PDB file of N, CA and C in Angstrom:
ATOM      1  N   MET A   1     109.074  94.424  85.004  1.00  0.00           N
ATOM      2  CA  MET A   1     108.656  94.682  86.282  1.00  0.00           C
ATOM      3  C   MET A   1     109.629  94.199  87.449  1.00  0.00           C
ATOM      4  N   HIS A   2     109.525  94.993  88.578  1.00  0.00           N
ATOM      5  CA  HIS A   2     110.276  94.524  89.815  1.00  0.00           C
ATOM      6  C   HIS A   2     109.303  94.221  91.111  1.00  0.00           C
ATOM      7  N   LEU A   3     109.532  93.390  91.679  1.00  0.00           N
ATOM      8  CA  LEU A   3     108.955  92.973  92.947  1.00  0.00           C
ATOM      9  C   LEU A   3     109.722  93.236  94.119  1.00  0.00           C
ATOM     10  N   TYR A   4     109.173  94.089  95.073  1.00  0.00           N
ATOM     11  CA  TYR A   4     109.877  94.322  96.285  1.00  0.00           C
ATOM     12  C   TYR A   4     109.452  93.553  97.659  1.00  0.00           C
ATOM     13  N   GLY A   5     110.364  92.711  98.173  1.00  0.00           N
ATOM     14  CA  GLY A   5     110.189  92.114  99.178  1.00  0.00           C
ATOM     15  C   GLY A   5     110.279  92.747 100.399  1.00  0.00           C
ATOM     16  N   LEU A   6     109.199  92.964 101.028  1.00  0.00           N
ATOM     17  CA  LEU A   6     109.041  93.823 102.354  1.00  0.00           C
ATOM     18  C   LEU A   6     109.271  92.916 103.625  1.00  0.00           C
ATOM     19  N   GLY A   7     109.539  91.968 103.756  1.00  0.00           N
ATOM     20  CA  GLY A   7     109.831  91.111 104.912  1.00  0.00           C
ATOM     21  C   GLY A   7     108.645  90.947 105.840  1.00  0.00           C
ATOM     22  N   ILE A   8     108.708  90.583 106.820  1.00  0.00           N
ATOM     23  CA  ILE A   8     107.540  90.383 107.777  1.00  0.00           C
ATOM     24  C   ILE A   8     107.549  91.658 108.774  1.00  0.00           C
ATOM     25  N   PRO A   9     106.158  92.128 108.526  1.00  0.00           N
ATOM     26  CA  PRO A   9     106.050  93.665 109.588  1.00  0.00           C
ATOM     27  C   PRO A   9     105.930  93.238 110.933  1.00  0.00           C
ATOM     28  N   ALA A  10     106.157  94.056 111.894  1.00  0.00           N
ATOM     29  CA  ALA A  10     106.196  93.637 113.394  1.00  0.00           C
ATOM     30  C   ALA A  10     104.649  93.703 113.418  1.00  0.00           C
ATOM     31  N   GLN A  11     103.843  94.442 112.820  1.00  0.00           N
ATOM     32  CA  GLN A  11     102.201  94.572 113.220  1.00  0.00           C
ATOM     33  C   GLN A  11     101.767  93.129 112.697  1.00  0.00           C
ATOM     34  N   PRO A  12     101.106  92.439 113.536  1.00  0.00           N
ATOM     35  CA  PRO A  12     100.330  91.005 113.221  1.00  0.00           C
ATOM     36  C   PRO A  12      99.239  91.361 111.942  1.00  0.00           C
ATOM     37  N   LEU A  13      99.315  90.671 110.773  1.00  0.00           N
ATOM     38  CA  LEU A  13      98.519  90.954 109.729  1.00  0.00           C
ATOM     39  C   LEU A  13      97.065  90.251 109.873  1.00  0.00           C
ATOM     40  N   ASN A  14      96.876  89.852 110.979  1.00  0.00           N
ATOM     41  CA  ASN A  14      95.374  89.284 111.000  1.00  0.00           C
ATOM     42  C   ASN A  14      94.368  90.268 111.921  1.00  0.00           C
ATOM     43  N   GLN A  15      95.119  91.650 111.908  1.00  0.00           N
ATOM     44  CA  GLN A  15      94.171  92.586 112.530  1.00  0.00           C
ATOM     45  C   GLN A  15      94.091  94.083 111.507  1.00  0.00           C
ATOM     46  N   TYR A  16      93.105  94.887 111.548  1.00  0.00           N
ATOM     47  CA  TYR A  16      93.198  96.121 110.410  1.00  0.00           C
ATOM     48  C   TYR A  16      94.186  96.893 110.721  1.00  0.00           C
ATOM     49  N   HIS A  17      94.831  96.987 109.475  1.00  0.00           N
ATOM     50  CA  HIS A  17      95.955  98.141 109.362  1.00  0.00           C
ATOM     51  C   HIS A  17      95.893  99.163 108.084  1.00  0.00           C
ATOM     52  N   VAL A  18      96.511 100.288 108.101  1.00  0.00           N
ATOM     53  CA  VAL A  18      96.519 101.023 106.977  1.00  0.00           C
ATOM     54  C   VAL A  18      97.691 100.645 106.158  1.00  0.00           C
ATOM     55  N   TYR A  19      97.844 100.266 105.097  1.00  0.00           N
ATOM     56  CA  TYR A  19      98.958 100.059 104.136  1.00  0.00           C
ATOM     57  C   TYR A  19      98.872 101.141 103.085  1.00  0.00           C
ATOM     58  N   ASN A  20     100.069 101.460 103.064  1.00  0.00           N
ATOM     59  CA  ASN A  20     100.360 102.570 102.091  1.00  0.00           C
ATOM     60  C   ASN A  20     101.340 102.461 101.399  1.00  0.00           C
ATOM     61  N   VAL A  21     101.451 102.725  99.967  1.00  0.00           N
ATOM     62  CA  VAL A  21     102.454 102.527  99.177  1.00  0.00           C
ATOM     63  C   VAL A  21     102.716 103.691  98.187  1.00  0.00           C
ATOM     64  N   THR A  22     103.651 104.165  97.758  1.00  0.00           N
ATOM     65  CA  THR A  22     103.891 105.388  96.944  1.00  0.00           C
ATOM     66  C   THR A  22     104.775 104.901  95.777  1.00  0.00           C
ATOM     67  N   SER A  23     104.554 105.239  94.388  1.00  0.00           N
ATOM     68  CA  SER A  23     105.458 104.862  93.324  1.00  0.00           C
ATOM     69  C   SER A  23     105.723 105.790  92.320  1.00  0.00           C
ATOM     70  N   GLN A  24     106.886 106.338  92.270  1.00  0.00           N
ATOM     71  CA  GLN A  24     107.109 107.356  91.316  1.00  0.00           C
ATOM     72  C   GLN A  24     108.481 107.184  90.710  1.00  0.00           C
ATOM     73  N   ASN A  25     108.892 107.825  89.503  1.00  0.00           N
ATOM     74  CA  ASN A  25     110.135 107.393  89.022  1.00  0.00           C
ATOM     75  C   ASN A  25     111.281 107.860  90.136  1.00  0.00           C
ATOM     76  N   THR A  26     112.167 107.113  90.110  1.00  0.00           N
ATOM     77  CA  THR A  26     113.161 106.792  91.359  1.00  0.00           C
ATOM     78  C   THR A  26     112.770 107.030  92.662  1.00  0.00           C
ATOM     79  N   ASN A  27     111.658 106.542  93.036  1.00  0.00           N
ATOM     80  CA  ASN A  27     111.224 106.399  94.449  1.00  0.00           C
ATOM     81  C   ASN A  27     110.063 105.428  94.380  1.00  0.00           C
ATOM     82  N   TRP A  28     110.252 104.387  95.527  1.00  0.00           N
ATOM     83  CA  TRP A  28     109.108 103.376  95.893  1.00  0.00           C
ATOM     84  C   TRP A  28     109.180 103.251  97.271  1.00  0.00           C
ATOM     85  N   ALA A  29     108.106 103.378  98.086  1.00  0.00           N
ATOM     86  CA  ALA A  29     107.932 103.127  99.478  1.00  0.00           C
ATOM     87  C   ALA A  29     106.853 102.506  99.808  1.00  0.00           C
ATOM     88  N   ALA A  30     106.821 101.821 101.004  1.00  0.00           N
ATOM     89  CA  ALA A  30     105.739 101.289 101.537  1.00  0.00           C
ATOM     90  C   ALA A  30     105.684 101.434 103.059  1.00  0.00           C
ATOM     91  N   TRP A  31     104.521 101.595 103.507  1.00  0.00           N
ATOM     92  CA  TRP A  31     104.191 102.017 105.158  1.00  0.00           C
ATOM     93  C   TRP A  31     103.232 100.937 105.579  1.00  0.00           C
ATOM     94  N   ILE A  32     103.130 100.521 106.954  1.00  0.00           N
ATOM     95  CA  ILE A  32     102.190  99.852 107.636  1.00  0.00           C
ATOM     96  C   ILE A  32     101.847 100.910 108.843  1.00  0.00           C
ATOM     97  N   ASN A  33     100.717 101.530 108.979  1.00  0.00           N
ATOM     98  CA  ASN A  33     100.205 102.329 110.276  1.00  0.00           C
ATOM     99  C   ASN A  33     101.339 103.399 110.197  1.00  0.00           C
ATOM    100  N   GLY A  34     101.871 104.027 109.203  1.00  0.00           N
ATOM    101  CA  GLY A  34     102.730 105.009 109.106  1.00  0.00           C
ATOM    102  C   GLY A  34     104.155 104.580 109.623  1.00  0.00           C
ATOM    103  N   THR A  35     104.693 103.414 109.764  1.00  0.00           N
ATOM    104  CA  THR A  35     105.871 102.814 109.947  1.00  0.00           C
ATOM    105  C   THR A  35     106.375 102.379 108.521  1.00  0.00           C
ATOM    106  N   LEU A  36     107.530 102.881 108.156  1.00  0.00           N
ATOM    107  CA  LEU A  36     108.225 102.510 106.820  1.00  0.00           C
ATOM    108  C   LEU A  36     108.710 101.144 106.632  1.00  0.00           C
ATOM    109  N   LEU A  37     107.833 100.369 105.801  1.00  0.00           N
ATOM    110  CA  LEU A  37     108.611  98.878 105.963  1.00  0.00           C
ATOM    111  C   LEU A  37     109.958  98.869 104.776  1.00  0.00           C
ATOM    112  N   TYR A  38     109.850  99.667 103.591  1.00  0.00           N
ATOM    113  CA  TYR A  38     110.970  99.576 102.734  1.00  0.00           C
ATOM    114  C   TYR A  38     110.762 100.795 101.778  1.00  0.00           C
ATOM    115  N   GLN A  39     111.947 101.087 101.225  1.00  0.00           N
ATOM    116  CA  GLN A  39     111.980 102.237 100.458  1.00  0.00           C
ATOM    117  C   GLN A  39     113.378 102.083  99.475  1.00  0.00           C
ATOM    118  N   THR A  40     112.977 102.298  98.347  1.00  0.00           N
ATOM    119  CA  THR A  40     114.099 102.472  97.623  1.00  0.00           C
ATOM    120  C   THR A  40     114.231 103.520  96.356  1.00  0.00           C
ATOM    121  N   THR A  41     115.195 103.911  96.068  1.00  0.00           N
ATOM    122  CA  THR A  41     115.188 105.049  94.858  1.00  0.00           C
ATOM    123  C   THR A  41     115.531 104.453  93.374  1.00  0.00           C
ATOM    124  N   ASN A  42     115.406 103.236  93.259  1.00  0.00           N
ATOM    125  CA  ASN A  42     115.651 102.323  92.035  1.00  0.00           C
ATOM    126  C   ASN A  42     114.318 101.968  91.642  1.00  0.00           C
ATOM    127  N   ASN A  43     113.602 102.642  90.882  1.00  0.00           N
ATOM    128  CA  ASN A  43     112.123 102.616  90.533  1.00  0.00           C
ATOM    129  C   ASN A  43     111.843 103.184  89.468  1.00  0.00           C
ATOM    130  N   THR A  44     110.904 102.682  88.593  1.00  0.00           N
ATOM    131  CA  THR A  44     110.513 103.279  87.225  1.00  0.00           C
ATOM    132  C   THR A  44     108.854 103.056  87.363  1.00  0.00           C
ATOM    133  N   VAL A  45     108.007 103.862  87.091  1.00  0.00           N
ATOM    134  CA  VAL A  45     106.670 103.602  86.899  1.00  0.00           C
ATOM    135  C   VAL A  45     105.975 103.020  85.906  1.00  0.00           C
ATOM    136  N   GLY A  46     105.426 101.969  85.888  1.00  0.00           N
ATOM    137  CA  GLY A  46     104.626 101.245  84.641  1.00  0.00           C
ATOM    138  C   GLY A  46     103.558 100.294  84.972  1.00  0.00           C
ATOM    139  N   PHE A  47     102.847 100.028  83.855  1.00  0.00           N
ATOM    140  CA  PHE A  47     101.734  98.982  83.841  1.00  0.00           C
ATOM    141  C   PHE A  47     101.779  97.868  83.090  1.00  0.00           C
ATOM    142  N   ILE A  48     101.116  96.939  83.650  1.00  0.00           N
ATOM    143  CA  ILE A  48     101.219  95.788  82.761  1.00  0.00           C
ATOM    144  C   ILE A  48     100.197  95.990  81.747  1.00  0.00           C
ATOM    145  N   ASN A  49     100.379  95.710  80.368  1.00  0.00           N
ATOM    146  CA  ASN A  49      99.532  95.863  79.272  1.00  0.00           C
ATOM    147  C   ASN A  49      98.867  97.439  79.237  1.00  0.00           C
ATOM    148  N   GLY A  50      99.335  98.166  79.868  1.00  0.00           N
ATOM    149  CA  GLY A  50      99.006  99.496  79.894  1.00  0.00           C
ATOM    150  C   GLY A  50      97.802  99.970  80.584  1.00  0.00           C
ATOM    151  N   SER A  51      97.428  99.088  81.640  1.00  0.00           N
ATOM    152  CA  SER A  51      96.239  99.360  82.417  1.00  0.00           C
ATOM    153  C   SER A  51      96.874  99.025  83.886  1.00  0.00           C
ATOM    154  N   SER A  52      95.959  99.386  85.024  1.00  0.00           N
ATOM    155  CA  SER A  52      96.491  98.827  86.306  1.00  0.00           C
ATOM    156  C   SER A  52      95.285  97.989  86.895  1.00  0.00           C
ATOM    157  N   ALA A  53      95.841  97.063  87.852  1.00  0.00           N
ATOM    158  CA  ALA A  53      94.792  96.479  88.530  1.00  0.00           C
ATOM    159  C   ALA A  53      95.018  95.824  89.847  1.00  0.00           C
ATOM    160  N   LEU A  54      94.356  95.875  90.806  1.00  0.00           N
ATOM    161  CA  LEU A  54      94.540  95.833  92.034  1.00  0.00           C
ATOM    162  C   LEU A  54      94.732  94.171  92.287  1.00  0.00           C
ATOM    163  N   GLY A  55      95.984  93.693  92.844  1.00  0.00           N
ATOM    164  CA  GLY A  55      96.101  92.272  93.144  1.00  0.00           C
ATOM    165  C   GLY A  55      95.881  91.350  92.221  1.00  0.00           C
ATOM    166  N   ALA A  56      96.185  91.637  90.757  1.00  0.00           N
ATOM    167  CA  ALA A  56      95.776  90.590  89.682  1.00  0.00           C
ATOM    168  C   ALA A  56      96.804  90.007  89.135  1.00  0.00           C
ATOM    169  N   CYS A  57      98.107  90.313  89.762  1.00  0.00           N
ATOM    170  CA  CYS A  57      99.280  89.884  89.023  1.00  0.00           C
ATOM    171  C   CYS A  57      99.772  88.521  89.646  1.00  0.00           C
ATOM    172  N   PHE A  58     100.074  88.441  90.529  1.00  0.00           N
ATOM    173  CA  PHE A  58     100.813  87.340  91.343  1.00  0.00           C
ATOM    174  C   PHE A  58     100.020  86.651  92.268  1.00  0.00           C
ATOM    175  N   TRP A  59      99.335  87.098  93.098  1.00  0.00           N
ATOM    176  CA  TRP A  59      98.827  86.586  94.189  1.00  0.00           C
ATOM    177  C   TRP A  59      97.471  86.710  94.420  1.00  0.00           C
ATOM    178  N   HIS A  60      96.733  85.808  95.169  1.00  0.00           N
ATOM    179  CA  HIS A  60      95.292  85.843  95.399  1.00  0.00           C
ATOM    180  C   HIS A  60      95.176  86.293  96.914  1.00  0.00           C
ATOM    181  N   PHE A  61      94.566  87.374  96.929  1.00  0.00           N
ATOM    182  CA  PHE A  61      94.393  88.105  98.310  1.00  0.00           C
ATOM    183  C   PHE A  61      93.060  87.721  98.835  1.00  0.00           C
ATOM    184  N   ALA A  62      92.981  87.023 100.064  1.00  0.00           N
ATOM    185  CA  ALA A  62      91.783  86.455 100.720  1.00  0.00           C
ATOM    186  C   ALA A  62      91.287  87.335 102.097  1.00  0.00           C
ATOM    187  N   GLY A  63      91.837  88.635 101.955  1.00  0.00           N
ATOM    188  CA  GLY A  63      91.170  89.275 103.010  1.00  0.00           C
ATOM    189  C   GLY A  63      90.173  90.335 102.655  1.00  0.00           C
ATOM    190  N   ASP A  64      90.170  91.292 103.471  1.00  0.00           N
ATOM    191  CA  ASP A  64      89.079  92.352 103.358  1.00  0.00           C
ATOM    192  C   ASP A  64      89.708  93.675 102.799  1.00  0.00           C
ATOM    193  N   ILE A  65      89.347  94.477 102.018  1.00  0.00           N
ATOM    194  CA  ILE A  65      90.166  95.780 101.832  1.00  0.00           C
ATOM    195  C   ILE A  65      88.586  96.806 102.051  1.00  0.00           C
ATOM    196  N   ALA A  66      88.972  97.641 102.910  1.00  0.00           N
ATOM    197  CA  ALA A  66      87.827  98.450 103.361  1.00  0.00           C
ATOM    198  C   ALA A  66      87.669  99.908 102.182  1.00  0.00           C
ATOM    199  N   GLU A  67      88.935 100.139 101.791  1.00  0.00           N
ATOM    200  CA  GLU A  67      89.026 101.511 100.884  1.00  0.00           C
ATOM    201  C   GLU A  67      90.272 101.322 100.311  1.00  0.00           C
ATOM    202  N   VAL A  68      90.039 102.013  98.904  1.00  0.00           N
ATOM    203  CA  VAL A  68      91.515 102.042  98.067  1.00  0.00           C
ATOM    204  C   VAL A  68      91.301 103.441  97.709  1.00  0.00           C
ATOM    205  N   LEU A  69      92.342 104.098  97.824  1.00  0.00           N
ATOM    206  CA  LEU A  69      92.461 105.614  97.476  1.00  0.00           C
ATOM    207  C   LEU A  69      93.762 105.650  96.379  1.00  0.00           C
ATOM    208  N   VAL A  70      93.543 106.324  95.195  1.00  0.00           N
ATOM    209  CA  VAL A  70      94.489 106.228  94.302  1.00  0.00           C
ATOM    210  C   VAL A  70      94.888 107.700  93.667  1.00  0.00           C
ATOM    211  N   PHE A  71      95.947 108.182  93.898  1.00  0.00           N
ATOM    212  CA  PHE A  71      96.148 109.803  93.580  1.00  0.00           C
ATOM    213  C   PHE A  71      97.183 109.724  92.330  1.00  0.00           C
ATOM    214  N   LYS A  72      97.218 110.975  91.715  1.00  0.00           N
ATOM    215  CA  LYS A  72      98.053 111.160  90.681  1.00  0.00           C
ATOM    216  C   LYS A  72      99.424 111.611  90.932  1.00  0.00           C
ATOM    217  N   ARG A  73      99.790 111.785  92.405  1.00  0.00           N
ATOM    218  CA  ARG A  73     101.172 112.065  92.669  1.00  0.00           C
ATOM    219  C   ARG A  73     101.210 111.484  94.109  1.00  0.00           C
ATOM    220  N   ALA A  74     102.529 111.544  94.508  1.00  0.00           N
ATOM    221  CA  ALA A  74     102.961 110.945  95.754  1.00  0.00           C
ATOM    222  C   ALA A  74     102.506 112.003  96.861  1.00  0.00           C
ATOM    223  N   LEU A  75     101.832 111.398  98.018  1.00  0.00           N
ATOM    224  CA  LEU A  75     101.505 112.217  99.033  1.00  0.00           C
ATOM    225  C   LEU A  75     102.472 112.561  99.883  1.00  0.00           C
ATOM    226  N   THR A  76     102.437 113.845 100.630  1.00  0.00           N
ATOM    227  CA  THR A  76     103.556 113.984 101.617  1.00  0.00           C
ATOM    228  C   THR A  76     103.074 113.266 102.798  1.00  0.00           C
ATOM    229  N   THR A  77     104.163 113.478 103.835  1.00  0.00           N
ATOM    230  CA  THR A  77     104.039 112.768 104.924  1.00  0.00           C
ATOM    231  C   THR A  77     102.854 113.099 105.838  1.00  0.00           C
ATOM    232  N   ASP A  78     102.387 114.455 105.766  1.00  0.00           N
ATOM    233  CA  ASP A  78     101.201 115.021 106.363  1.00  0.00           C
ATOM    234  C   ASP A  78     100.409 114.475 105.517  1.00  0.00           C
ATOM    235  N   GLU A  79      99.858 114.596 104.380  1.00  0.00           N
ATOM    236  CA  GLU A  79      98.774 113.968 103.660  1.00  0.00           C
ATOM    237  C   GLU A  79      98.515 112.469 103.947  1.00  0.00           C
ATOM    238  N   ARG A  80      99.600 111.835 104.019  1.00  0.00           N
ATOM    239  CA  ARG A  80      99.457 110.463 104.231  1.00  0.00           C
ATOM    240  C   ARG A  80      98.823 110.252 105.802  1.00  0.00           C
TER     241      ARG A  80
END
């Protein structure tokens, strides 16, 4: 498993935002409100214990999540 450090985004995190992540073999990228935060081509998709969980691995998330959408493929820029 690999963790990606995204740094501190320009947008304040005490406001609502759209956080978008895509993960596929040879590509991992994350955006906030359409602004690319980080991208790498060094990636392999995998799941811990063969299943997926939202926010259950390392950190406790104390905010609100309005919606989670999961797709079986990476979305295009227009689809995001």
